[in-house]
Amino acid sequence: MNKLVEIFKQRDKQLHFAAGAGIALVAGLLLSPLVGFALAAATGLLKEIYDSLQDEVADTVDFWVTTFGGFVVSLILGVVNYV
């Protein structure tokens, strides 16, 4: 649990979470929560592929944090839409 807290203390990880959440929110409201989640995950994956092509280190944690941000928002939208 402490490792997870340390990960989310990093500004970069906070931005990745926010990006995934923002993408999922917009796409989830316009299309569906599932599409929002998929787009957040795809964006995280494409960002890390881009980083690796730019001779930067592709960080799998960045991908998972972006995807998690999308998951949280998509889950909330799915529950709200269901109720």
Protein backbone atom coordinates (compact mmCIF):
# COMPACT_ATOMS: atom_id res chain seq x y z
CA MET A 1 0.00 0.00 0.00
CA ASN A 2 2.86 2.37 0.79
CA LYS A 3 4.25 1.86 -2.71
CA LEU A 4 0.92 2.88 -4.21
CA VAL A 5 0.87 6.03 -2.07
CA GLU A 6 4.42 6.85 -3.17
CA ILE A 7 3.45 6.41 -6.81
CA PHE A 8 0.54 8.83 -6.52
CA LYS A 9 2.69 11.44 -4.77
CA GLN A 10 4.59 11.92 -8.04
CA ARG A 11 3.36 14.85 -10.12
CA ASP A 12 3.82 12.88 -13.35
CA LYS A 13 1.57 10.10 -12.09
CA GLN A 14 -1.07 12.60 -10.96
CA LEU A 15 -1.09 14.07 -14.48
CA HIS A 16 -1.43 10.61 -16.03
CA PHE A 17 -4.36 9.82 -13.72
CA ALA A 18 -6.02 13.15 -14.56
CA ALA A 19 -5.53 12.61 -18.29
CA GLY A 20 -7.13 9.17 -18.15
CA ALA A 21 -9.97 10.48 -16.01
CA GLY A 22 -10.56 13.45 -18.31
CA ILE A 23 -10.61 11.33 -21.45
CA ALA A 24 -12.98 8.84 -19.85
CA LEU A 25 -15.25 11.63 -18.62
CA VAL A 26 -15.65 13.32 -21.99
CA ALA A 27 -15.96 10.10 -23.99
CA GLY A 28 -18.12 8.53 -21.29
CA LEU A 29 -20.59 11.38 -21.34
CA LEU A 30 -20.66 11.69 -25.13
CA LEU A 31 -20.57 7.99 -26.02
CA SER A 32 -20.55 5.46 -23.18
CA PRO A 33 -18.53 4.70 -20.05
CA LEU A 34 -17.05 1.60 -21.68
CA VAL A 35 -15.83 3.61 -24.66
CA GLY A 36 -14.43 6.20 -22.26
CA PHE A 37 -12.46 3.53 -20.43
CA ALA A 38 -11.18 2.01 -23.67
CA LEU A 39 -10.06 5.39 -24.99
CA ALA A 40 -8.26 6.23 -21.75
CA ALA A 41 -6.40 2.91 -21.83
CA ALA A 42 -5.60 3.28 -25.55
CA THR A 43 -4.31 6.80 -24.99
CA GLY A 44 -2.06 5.61 -22.16
CA LEU A 45 -0.70 2.84 -24.36
CA LEU A 46 -0.11 5.13 -27.32
CA LYS A 47 1.65 7.68 -25.11
CA GLU A 48 4.09 5.06 -23.87
CA ILE A 49 4.68 3.76 -27.40
CA TYR A 50 5.38 7.35 -28.47
CA ASP A 51 7.82 7.78 -25.58
CA SER A 52 9.70 4.62 -26.56
CA LEU A 53 9.96 5.82 -30.18
CA GLN A 54 11.39 9.15 -28.97
CA ASP A 55 14.26 7.37 -27.19
CA GLU A 56 12.59 7.96 -23.86
CA VAL A 57 11.79 5.27 -21.35
CA ALA A 58 8.33 3.79 -21.74
CA ASP A 59 6.97 3.52 -18.20
CA THR A 60 4.41 0.77 -17.68
CA VAL A 61 3.35 2.42 -14.42
CA ASP A 62 2.37 5.52 -16.43
CA PHE A 63 0.17 3.31 -18.61
CA TRP A 64 -1.51 1.67 -15.62
CA VAL A 65 -2.08 4.97 -13.81
CA THR A 66 -3.66 6.50 -16.94
CA THR A 67 -5.84 3.42 -17.35
CA PHE A 68 -6.79 3.49 -13.66
CA GLY A 69 -7.92 7.13 -13.98
CA GLY A 70 -10.14 6.08 -16.87
CA PHE A 71 -11.44 3.11 -14.92
CA VAL A 72 -12.44 5.16 -11.88
CA VAL A 73 -14.39 7.71 -13.91
CA SER A 74 -15.96 5.06 -16.15
CA LEU A 75 -17.06 3.09 -13.10
CA ILE A 76 -18.67 6.18 -11.59
CA LEU A 77 -20.41 7.05 -14.87
CA GLY A 78 -21.60 3.45 -15.23
CA VAL A 79 -23.10 3.44 -11.74
CA VAL A 80 -24.72 6.85 -12.26
CA ASN A 81 -26.18 5.74 -15.60
CA TYR A 82 -27.47 2.53 -14.04
CA VAL A 83 -29.27 4.25 -11.16
